[in-house]
Every structure is written in C-alpha cells, then in structure tokens.
Amino acid sequence: MNAQLFSRGTYLMQLREEYETIYQANEVTGKALKMKAEYRPRLEERVVAAQMAVEAGTAAEVQRNRRRELEVQLQWSNMKETKQVGRQPCRL
C-alpha cells in the first residue's frame, strides 16, 4: 500500500511540475504575442513607407531612362540637322 501511495505521489508531483512548466511557457508565449501585437502597427507603417519608397524609386528610374532616351534622340536629331545644313548649297 505504501508503495502505491509513494508511486501515486511521485506521479502527482511529476504532473504538477509539467503543469507548472506548461503554465510558464504559456505566460512567455502570451507576453511574446502581446509584444508582437503592440509592434505590428508600427511594422505595418514601415512596410507602407518602404513600399512607397520603392514605388518612388521605380518612378524615378523610369524618368531617368526616359530622359536618356530623349537625350539620345536629341543627339541624333542634331547630327541629322548638321548633315542637312552641310549639304545645302551656300547662298551668297
């Protein structure tokens, strides 16, 4: 009988230790979730700001590329104009 009580008591102590471990882990998890919930709005704002920066950078890159294209077209236009002016007979 004593062996059964000792065995039962040991079992109950192990259950209590496991319960306490689970309870502590649950508290830690709850704190972590609360902290993440508090930081989420700030992170979302940062994501939006980063997305806007990427969009602005992309738009700027498109404008730079367009400017380069126009500069090349202008150079070709100037070269054509120079050739045409050079071919015209000289009028006195």
PDB file of N, CA and C in Angstrom:
ATOM      1  N   MET A   1       0.814  -1.190   0.000  1.00  0.00           N
ATOM      2  CA  MET A   1       0.000   0.000   0.000  1.00  0.00           C
ATOM      3  C   MET A   1       0.861   1.258   0.000  1.00  0.00           C
ATOM      4  N   ASN A   2       1.929   1.240   0.831  1.00  0.00           N
ATOM      5  CA  ASN A   2       2.822   2.401   0.880  1.00  0.00           C
ATOM      6  C   ASN A   2       3.497   2.629  -0.460  1.00  0.00           C
ATOM      7  N   ALA A   3       3.819   1.533  -1.130  1.00  0.00           N
ATOM      8  CA  ALA A   3       4.477   1.644  -2.436  1.00  0.00           C
ATOM      9  C   ALA A   3       3.529   2.302  -3.429  1.00  0.00           C
ATOM     10  N   GLN A   4       2.243   1.965  -3.372  1.00  0.00           N
ATOM     11  CA  GLN A   4       1.252   2.558  -4.265  1.00  0.00           C
ATOM     12  C   GLN A   4       1.083   4.048  -3.976  1.00  0.00           C
ATOM     13  N   LEU A   5       1.031   4.397  -2.687  1.00  0.00           N
ATOM     14  CA  LEU A   5       0.900   5.813  -2.327  1.00  0.00           C
ATOM     15  C   LEU A   5       2.132   6.597  -2.765  1.00  0.00           C
ATOM     16  N   PHE A   6       3.308   6.001  -2.579  1.00  0.00           N
ATOM     17  CA  PHE A   6       4.540   6.667  -2.986  1.00  0.00           C
ATOM     18  C   PHE A   6       4.550   6.850  -4.500  1.00  0.00           C
ATOM     19  N   SER A   7       4.139   5.800  -5.198  1.00  0.00           N
ATOM     20  CA  SER A   7       4.088   5.841  -6.654  1.00  0.00           C
ATOM     21  C   SER A   7       3.083   6.891  -7.126  1.00  0.00           C
ATOM     22  N   ARG A   8       1.946   6.914  -6.480  1.00  0.00           N
ATOM     23  CA  ARG A   8       0.898   7.885  -6.825  1.00  0.00           C
ATOM     24  C   ARG A   8       1.370   9.302  -6.520  1.00  0.00           C
ATOM     25  N   GLY A   9       2.017   9.503  -5.401  1.00  0.00           N
ATOM     26  CA  GLY A   9       2.535  10.816  -5.023  1.00  0.00           C
ATOM     27  C   GLY A   9       3.599  11.287  -5.998  1.00  0.00           C
ATOM     28  N   THR A  10       4.473  10.381  -6.393  1.00  0.00           N
ATOM     29  CA  THR A  10       5.529  10.732  -7.368  1.00  0.00           C
ATOM     30  C   THR A  10       4.891  11.134  -8.692  1.00  0.00           C
ATOM     31  N   TYR A  11       3.887  10.391  -9.102  1.00  0.00           N
ATOM     32  CA  TYR A  11       3.183  10.675 -10.342  1.00  0.00           C
ATOM     33  C   TYR A  11       2.526  12.053 -10.275  1.00  0.00           C
ATOM     34  N   LEU A  12       1.880  12.345  -9.155  1.00  0.00           N
ATOM     35  CA  LEU A  12       1.225  13.648  -8.993  1.00  0.00           C
ATOM     36  C   LEU A  12       2.246  14.790  -8.982  1.00  0.00           C
ATOM     37  N   MET A  13       3.407  14.567  -8.386  1.00  0.00           N
ATOM     38  CA  MET A  13       4.460  15.594  -8.370  1.00  0.00           C
ATOM     39  C   MET A  13       4.958  15.855  -9.792  1.00  0.00           C
ATOM     40  N   GLN A  14       5.123  14.795 -10.570  1.00  0.00           N
ATOM     41  CA  GLN A  14       5.565  14.961 -11.954  1.00  0.00           C
ATOM     42  C   GLN A  14       4.522  15.732 -12.768  1.00  0.00           C
ATOM     43  N   LEU A  15       3.248  15.392 -12.542  1.00  0.00           N
ATOM     44  CA  LEU A  15       2.178  16.111 -13.229  1.00  0.00           C
ATOM     45  C   LEU A  15       2.183  17.595 -12.856  1.00  0.00           C
ATOM     46  N   ARG A  16       2.410  17.875 -11.576  1.00  0.00           N
ATOM     47  CA  ARG A  16       2.436  19.265 -11.119  1.00  0.00           C
ATOM     48  C   ARG A  16       3.604  20.015 -11.762  1.00  0.00           C
ATOM     49  N   GLU A  17       4.763  19.391 -11.834  1.00  0.00           N
ATOM     50  CA  GLU A  17       5.935  20.018 -12.452  1.00  0.00           C
ATOM     51  C   GLU A  17       5.673  20.294 -13.937  1.00  0.00           C
ATOM     52  N   GLU A  18       5.070  19.330 -14.623  1.00  0.00           N
ATOM     53  CA  GLU A  18       4.745  19.516 -16.039  1.00  0.00           C
ATOM     54  C   GLU A  18       3.732  20.657 -16.200  1.00  0.00           C
ATOM     55  N   TYR A  19       2.747  20.691 -15.320  1.00  0.00           N
ATOM     56  CA  TYR A  19       1.742  21.756 -15.369  1.00  0.00           C
ATOM     57  C   TYR A  19       2.409  23.121 -15.183  1.00  0.00           C
ATOM     58  N   GLU A  20       3.304  23.229 -14.230  1.00  0.00           N
ATOM     59  CA  GLU A  20       3.998  24.495 -13.984  1.00  0.00           C
ATOM     60  C   GLU A  20       4.855  24.893 -15.183  1.00  0.00           C
ATOM     61  N   THR A  21       5.525  23.920 -15.777  1.00  0.00           N
ATOM     62  CA  THR A  21       6.346  24.198 -16.970  1.00  0.00           C
ATOM     63  C   THR A  21       5.475  24.696 -18.113  1.00  0.00           C
ATOM     64  N   ILE A  22       4.356  24.038 -18.311  1.00  0.00           N
ATOM     65  CA  ILE A  22       3.423  24.449 -19.373  1.00  0.00           C
ATOM     66  C   ILE A  22       2.852  25.828 -19.081  1.00  0.00           C
ATOM     67  N   TYR A  23       2.510  26.080 -17.838  1.00  0.00           N
ATOM     68  CA  TYR A  23       1.967  27.376 -17.444  1.00  0.00           C
ATOM     69  C   TYR A  23       2.992  28.486 -17.706  1.00  0.00           C
ATOM     70  N   GLN A  24       4.237  28.246 -17.329  1.00  0.00           N
ATOM     71  CA  GLN A  24       5.289  29.246 -17.555  1.00  0.00           C
ATOM     72  C   GLN A  24       5.504  29.476 -19.053  1.00  0.00           C
ATOM     73  N   ALA A  25       5.519  28.402 -19.821  1.00  0.00           N
ATOM     74  CA  ALA A  25       5.692  28.536 -21.271  1.00  0.00           C
ATOM     75  C   ALA A  25       4.523  29.310 -21.870  1.00  0.00           C
ATOM     76  N   ASN A  26       3.329  29.062 -21.347  1.00  0.00           N
ATOM     77  CA  ASN A  26       2.136  29.768 -21.815  1.00  0.00           C
ATOM     78  C   ASN A  26       2.237  31.257 -21.494  1.00  0.00           C
ATOM     79  N   GLU A  27       2.745  31.604 -20.320  1.00  0.00           N
ATOM     80  CA  GLU A  27       2.926  33.018 -19.949  1.00  0.00           C
ATOM     81  C   GLU A  27       3.930  33.697 -20.869  1.00  0.00           C
ATOM     82  N   VAL A  28       5.041  33.005 -21.132  1.00  0.00           N
ATOM     83  CA  VAL A  28       6.064  33.556 -22.019  1.00  0.00           C
ATOM     84  C   VAL A  28       5.480  33.776 -23.419  1.00  0.00           C
ATOM     85  N   THR A  29       4.744  32.798 -23.904  1.00  0.00           N
ATOM     86  CA  THR A  29       4.123  32.912 -25.216  1.00  0.00           C
ATOM     87  C   THR A  29       3.115  34.057 -25.245  1.00  0.00           C
ATOM     88  N   GLY A  30       2.337  34.180 -24.193  1.00  0.00           N
ATOM     89  CA  GLY A  30       1.367  35.275 -24.117  1.00  0.00           C
ATOM     90  C   GLY A  30       2.034  36.636 -24.141  1.00  0.00           C
ATOM     91  N   LYS A  31       3.132  36.776 -23.407  1.00  0.00           N
ATOM     92  CA  LYS A  31       3.869  38.039 -23.403  1.00  0.00           C
ATOM     93  C   LYS A  31       4.439  38.340 -24.785  1.00  0.00           C
ATOM     94  N   ALA A  32       4.971  37.312 -25.424  1.00  0.00           N
ATOM     95  CA  ALA A  32       5.543  37.495 -26.764  1.00  0.00           C
ATOM     96  C   ALA A  32       4.466  37.915 -27.753  1.00  0.00           C
ATOM     97  N   LEU A  33       3.303  37.282 -27.674  1.00  0.00           N
ATOM     98  CA  LEU A  33       2.200  37.642 -28.570  1.00  0.00           C
ATOM     99  C   LEU A  33       1.723  39.072 -28.320  1.00  0.00           C
ATOM    100  N   LYS A  34       1.656  39.452 -27.059  1.00  0.00           N
ATOM    101  CA  LYS A  34       1.234  40.813 -26.717  1.00  0.00           C
ATOM    102  C   LYS A  34       2.223  41.829 -27.276  1.00  0.00           C
ATOM    103  N   MET A  35       3.518  41.528 -27.133  1.00  0.00           N
ATOM    104  CA  MET A  35       4.546  42.427 -27.632  1.00  0.00           C
ATOM    105  C   MET A  35       4.468  42.549 -29.159  1.00  0.00           C
ATOM    106  N   LYS A  36       4.267  41.432 -29.826  1.00  0.00           N
ATOM    107  CA  LYS A  36       4.160  41.448 -31.279  1.00  0.00           C
ATOM    108  C   LYS A  36       2.923  42.217 -31.718  1.00  0.00           C
ATOM    109  N   ALA A  37       1.837  42.064 -30.986  1.00  0.00           N
ATOM    110  CA  ALA A  37       0.611  42.788 -31.316  1.00  0.00           C
ATOM    111  C   ALA A  37       0.816  44.297 -31.156  1.00  0.00           C
ATOM    112  N   GLU A  38       1.625  44.698 -30.177  1.00  0.00           N
ATOM    113  CA  GLU A  38       1.900  46.122 -29.974  1.00  0.00           C
ATOM    114  C   GLU A  38       2.785  46.678 -31.084  1.00  0.00           C
ATOM    115  N   TYR A  39       3.731  45.875 -31.567  1.00  0.00           N
ATOM    116  CA  TYR A  39       4.660  46.341 -32.605  1.00  0.00           C
ATOM    117  C   TYR A  39       4.091  46.232 -34.017  1.00  0.00           C
ATOM    118  N   ARG A  40       3.069  45.449 -34.190  1.00  0.00           N
ATOM    119  CA  ARG A  40       2.525  45.219 -35.533  1.00  0.00           C
ATOM    120  C   ARG A  40       2.125  46.502 -36.248  1.00  0.00           C
ATOM    121  N   PRO A  41       1.379  47.423 -35.611  1.00  0.00           N
ATOM    122  CA  PRO A  41       1.015  48.651 -36.332  1.00  0.00           C
ATOM    123  C   PRO A  41       2.244  49.436 -36.810  1.00  0.00           C
ATOM    124  N   ARG A  42       3.272  49.488 -35.984  1.00  0.00           N
ATOM    125  CA  ARG A  42       4.493  50.200 -36.396  1.00  0.00           C
ATOM    126  C   ARG A  42       5.163  49.509 -37.577  1.00  0.00           C
ATOM    127  N   LEU A  43       5.188  48.191 -37.522  1.00  0.00           N
ATOM    128  CA  LEU A  43       5.794  47.444 -38.623  1.00  0.00           C
ATOM    129  C   LEU A  43       4.996  47.638 -39.913  1.00  0.00           C
ATOM    130  N   GLU A  44       3.674  47.660 -39.784  1.00  0.00           N
ATOM    131  CA  GLU A  44       2.841  47.880 -40.966  1.00  0.00           C
ATOM    132  C   GLU A  44       3.096  49.265 -41.555  1.00  0.00           C
ATOM    133  N   GLU A  45       3.271  50.261 -40.697  1.00  0.00           N
ATOM    134  CA  GLU A  45       3.588  51.612 -41.182  1.00  0.00           C
ATOM    135  C   GLU A  45       4.923  51.611 -41.916  1.00  0.00           C
ATOM    136  N   ARG A  46       5.890  50.905 -41.366  1.00  0.00           N
ATOM    137  CA  ARG A  46       7.206  50.841 -42.011  1.00  0.00           C
ATOM    138  C   ARG A  46       7.126  50.130 -43.358  1.00  0.00           C
ATOM    139  N   VAL A  47       6.289  49.093 -43.433  1.00  0.00           N
ATOM    140  CA  VAL A  47       6.116  48.383 -44.697  1.00  0.00           C
ATOM    141  C   VAL A  47       5.510  49.320 -45.735  1.00  0.00           C
ATOM    142  N   VAL A  48       4.488  50.065 -45.349  1.00  0.00           N
ATOM    143  CA  VAL A  48       3.854  51.008 -46.274  1.00  0.00           C
ATOM    144  C   VAL A  48       4.867  52.057 -46.729  1.00  0.00           C
ATOM    145  N   ALA A  49       5.644  52.591 -45.797  1.00  0.00           N
ATOM    146  CA  ALA A  49       6.656  53.594 -46.145  1.00  0.00           C
ATOM    147  C   ALA A  49       7.697  53.004 -47.092  1.00  0.00           C
ATOM    148  N   ALA A  50       8.109  51.776 -46.839  1.00  0.00           N
ATOM    149  CA  ALA A  50       9.091  51.128 -47.712  1.00  0.00           C
ATOM    150  C   ALA A  50       8.514  50.889 -49.101  1.00  0.00           C
ATOM    151  N   GLN A  51       7.249  50.484 -49.163  1.00  0.00           N
ATOM    152  CA  GLN A  51       6.611  50.275 -50.460  1.00  0.00           C
ATOM    153  C   GLN A  51       6.519  51.584 -51.235  1.00  0.00           C
ATOM    154  N   MET A  52       6.193  52.665 -50.544  1.00  0.00           N
ATOM    155  CA  MET A  52       6.121  53.964 -51.201  1.00  0.00           C
ATOM    156  C   MET A  52       7.500  54.391 -51.707  1.00  0.00           C
ATOM    157  N   ALA A  53       8.529  54.119 -50.926  1.00  0.00           N
ATOM    158  CA  ALA A  53       9.889  54.458 -51.347  1.00  0.00           C
ATOM    159  C   ALA A  53      10.289  53.660 -52.581  1.00  0.00           C
ATOM    160  N   VAL A  54       9.909  52.394 -52.608  1.00  0.00           N
ATOM    161  CA  VAL A  54      10.210  51.557 -53.774  1.00  0.00           C
ATOM    162  C   VAL A  54       9.479  52.095 -55.000  1.00  0.00           C
ATOM    163  N   GLU A  55       8.221  52.449 -54.839  1.00  0.00           N
ATOM    164  CA  GLU A  55       7.451  52.990 -55.954  1.00  0.00           C
ATOM    165  C   GLU A  55       8.061  54.303 -56.451  1.00  0.00           C
ATOM    166  N   ALA A  56       8.469  55.156 -55.526  1.00  0.00           N
ATOM    167  CA  ALA A  56       9.086  56.425 -55.908  1.00  0.00           C
ATOM    168  C   ALA A  56      10.408  56.169 -56.630  1.00  0.00           C
ATOM    169  N   GLY A  57      11.178  55.234 -56.132  1.00  0.00           N
ATOM    170  CA  GLY A  57      12.442  54.890 -56.780  1.00  0.00           C
ATOM    171  C   GLY A  57      12.228  54.331 -58.176  1.00  0.00           C
ATOM    172  N   THR A  58      11.218  53.501 -58.319  1.00  0.00           N
ATOM    173  CA  THR A  58      10.898  52.936 -59.624  1.00  0.00           C
ATOM    174  C   THR A  58      10.467  54.039 -60.590  1.00  0.00           C
ATOM    175  N   ALA A  59       9.632  54.947 -60.107  1.00  0.00           N
ATOM    176  CA  ALA A  59       9.185  56.064 -60.956  1.00  0.00           C
ATOM    177  C   ALA A  59      10.374  56.932 -61.356  1.00  0.00           C
ATOM    178  N   ALA A  60      11.283  57.174 -60.444  1.00  0.00           N
ATOM    179  CA  ALA A  60      12.468  57.979 -60.748  1.00  0.00           C
ATOM    180  C   ALA A  60      13.338  57.271 -61.778  1.00  0.00           C
ATOM    181  N   GLU A  61      13.467  55.968 -61.649  1.00  0.00           N
ATOM    182  CA  GLU A  61      14.267  55.210 -62.612  1.00  0.00           C
ATOM    183  C   GLU A  61      13.641  55.272 -64.002  1.00  0.00           C
ATOM    184  N   VAL A  62      12.332  55.160 -64.066  1.00  0.00           N
ATOM    185  CA  VAL A  62      11.631  55.263 -65.347  1.00  0.00           C
ATOM    186  C   VAL A  62      11.891  56.638 -65.963  1.00  0.00           C
ATOM    187  N   GLN A  63      11.821  57.684 -65.145  1.00  0.00           N
ATOM    188  CA  GLN A  63      12.069  59.036 -65.646  1.00  0.00           C
ATOM    189  C   GLN A  63      13.507  59.192 -66.138  1.00  0.00           C
ATOM    190  N   ARG A  64      14.466  58.637 -65.400  1.00  0.00           N
ATOM    191  CA  ARG A  64      15.869  58.709 -65.834  1.00  0.00           C
ATOM    192  C   ARG A  64      16.061  58.013 -67.171  1.00  0.00           C
ATOM    193  N   ASN A  65      15.458  56.839 -67.316  1.00  0.00           N
ATOM    194  CA  ASN A  65      15.573  56.104 -68.572  1.00  0.00           C
ATOM    195  C   ASN A  65      14.937  56.880 -69.721  1.00  0.00           C
ATOM    196  N   ARG A  66      13.802  57.478 -69.463  1.00  0.00           N
ATOM    197  CA  ARG A  66      13.125  58.285 -70.495  1.00  0.00           C
ATOM    198  C   ARG A  66      13.993  59.482 -70.874  1.00  0.00           C
ATOM    199  N   ARG A  67      14.617  60.097 -69.890  1.00  0.00           N
ATOM    200  CA  ARG A  67      15.486  61.244 -70.154  1.00  0.00           C
ATOM    201  C   ARG A  67      16.661  60.820 -71.034  1.00  0.00           C
ATOM    202  N   ARG A  68      17.254  59.668 -70.721  1.00  0.00           N
ATOM    203  CA  ARG A  68      18.372  59.170 -71.531  1.00  0.00           C
ATOM    204  C   ARG A  68      17.929  58.932 -72.976  1.00  0.00           C
ATOM    205  N   GLU A  69      16.757  58.335 -73.127  1.00  0.00           N
ATOM    206  CA  GLU A  69      16.230  58.096 -74.478  1.00  0.00           C
ATOM    207  C   GLU A  69      16.049  59.408 -75.230  1.00  0.00           C
ATOM    208  N   LEU A  70      15.491  60.398 -74.563  1.00  0.00           N
ATOM    209  CA  LEU A  70      15.276  61.695 -75.205  1.00  0.00           C
ATOM    210  C   LEU A  70      16.601  62.378 -75.543  1.00  0.00           C
ATOM    211  N   GLU A  71      17.584  62.236 -74.657  1.00  0.00           N
ATOM    212  CA  GLU A  71      18.895  62.831 -74.940  1.00  0.00           C
ATOM    213  C   GLU A  71      19.527  62.179 -76.162  1.00  0.00           C
ATOM    214  N   VAL A  72      19.387  60.858 -76.284  1.00  0.00           N
ATOM    215  CA  VAL A  72      19.920  60.153 -77.458  1.00  0.00           C
ATOM    216  C   VAL A  72      19.189  60.627 -78.711  1.00  0.00           C
ATOM    217  N   GLN A  73      17.874  60.742 -78.630  1.00  0.00           N
ATOM    218  CA  GLN A  73      17.105  61.223 -79.774  1.00  0.00           C
ATOM    219  C   GLN A  73      17.524  62.635 -80.162  1.00  0.00           C
ATOM    220  N   LEU A  74      17.759  63.476 -79.184  1.00  0.00           N
ATOM    221  CA  LEU A  74      18.199  64.840 -79.448  1.00  0.00           C
ATOM    222  C   LEU A  74      19.562  64.857 -80.129  1.00  0.00           C
ATOM    223  N   GLN A  75      20.461  64.012 -79.665  1.00  0.00           N
ATOM    224  CA  GLN A  75      21.780  63.945 -80.295  1.00  0.00           C
ATOM    225  C   GLN A  75      21.676  63.490 -81.748  1.00  0.00           C
ATOM    226  N   TRP A  76      20.859  62.477 -82.001  1.00  0.00           N
ATOM    227  CA  TRP A  76      20.665  62.028 -83.370  1.00  0.00           C
ATOM    228  C   TRP A  76      20.018  63.129 -84.213  1.00  0.00           C
ATOM    229  N   SER A  77      19.080  63.807 -83.628  1.00  0.00           N
ATOM    230  CA  SER A  77      18.409  64.906 -84.331  1.00  0.00           C
ATOM    231  C   SER A  77      19.410  65.992 -84.685  1.00  0.00           C
ATOM    232  N   ASN A  78      20.287  66.331 -83.753  1.00  0.00           N
ATOM    233  CA  ASN A  78      21.313  67.351 -84.013  1.00  0.00           C
ATOM    234  C   ASN A  78      22.264  66.902 -85.108  1.00  0.00           C
ATOM    235  N   MET A  79      22.610  65.609 -85.097  1.00  0.00           N
ATOM    236  CA  MET A  79      23.516  65.095 -86.129  1.00  0.00           C
ATOM    237  C   MET A  79      22.848  65.149 -87.493  1.00  0.00           C
ATOM    238  N   LYS A  80      21.572  64.792 -87.598  1.00  0.00           N
ATOM    239  CA  LYS A  80      20.851  64.857 -88.868  1.00  0.00           C
ATOM    240  C   LYS A  80      20.765  66.291 -89.351  1.00  0.00           C
ATOM    241  N   GLU A  81      20.475  67.197 -88.435  1.00  0.00           N
ATOM    242  CA  GLU A  81      20.367  68.610 -88.789  1.00  0.00           C
ATOM    243  C   GLU A  81      21.707  69.145 -89.281  1.00  0.00           C
ATOM    244  N   THR A  82      22.777  68.744 -88.634  1.00  0.00           N
ATOM    245  CA  THR A  82      24.114  69.180 -89.040  1.00  0.00           C
ATOM    246  C   THR A  82      24.441  68.659 -90.431  1.00  0.00           C
ATOM    247  N   LYS A  83      24.095  67.418 -90.723  1.00  0.00           N
ATOM    248  CA  LYS A  83      24.347  66.852 -92.042  1.00  0.00           C
ATOM    249  C   LYS A  83      23.536  67.575 -93.099  1.00  0.00           C
ATOM    250  N   GLN A  84      22.274  67.884 -92.794  1.00  0.00           N
ATOM    251  CA  GLN A  84      21.425  68.577 -93.757  1.00  0.00           C
ATOM    252  C   GLN A  84      21.929  69.983 -94.011  1.00  0.00           C
ATOM    253  N   VAL A  85      22.363  70.656 -92.980  1.00  0.00           N
ATOM    254  CA  VAL A  85      22.895  72.006 -93.139  1.00  0.00           C
ATOM    255  C   VAL A  85      24.166  71.951 -93.965  1.00  0.00           C
ATOM    256  N   GLY A  86      24.973  70.943 -93.754  1.00  0.00           N
ATOM    257  CA  GLY A  86      26.222  70.804 -94.503  1.00  0.00           C
ATOM    258  C   GLY A  86      25.996  70.518 -95.971  1.00  0.00           C
ATOM    259  N   ARG A  87      24.896  69.909 -96.371  1.00  0.00           N
ATOM    260  CA  ARG A  87      24.603  69.555 -97.764  1.00  0.00           C
ATOM    261  C   ARG A  87      23.988  70.716 -98.548  1.00  0.00           C
ATOM    262  N   GLN A  88      23.416  71.661 -97.871  1.00  0.00           N
ATOM    263  CA  GLN A  88      22.760  72.771 -98.573  1.00  0.00           C
ATOM    264  C   GLN A  88      23.801  73.632 -99.281  1.00  0.00           C
ATOM    265  N   PRO A  89      23.470  74.072-100.460  1.00  0.00           N
ATOM    266  CA  PRO A  89      24.417  74.933-101.172  1.00  0.00           C
ATOM    267  C   PRO A  89      24.561  76.273-100.454  1.00  0.00           C
ATOM    268  N   CYS A  90      25.695  76.806-100.587  1.00  0.00           N
ATOM    269  CA  CYS A  90      25.994  78.075 -99.946  1.00  0.00           C
ATOM    270  C   CYS A  90      25.397  79.193-100.783  1.00  0.00           C
ATOM    271  N   ARG A  91      24.592  80.059-100.243  1.00  0.00           N
ATOM    272  CA  ARG A  91      23.973  81.173-100.946  1.00  0.00           C
ATOM    273  C   ARG A  91      24.681  82.458-100.600  1.00  0.00           C
ATOM    274  N   LEU A  92      24.953  83.179-101.584  1.00  0.00           N
ATOM    275  CA  LEU A  92      25.641  84.448-101.359  1.00  0.00           C
ATOM    276  C   LEU A  92      24.760  85.599-101.649  1.00  0.00           C
TER     277      LEU A  92
END
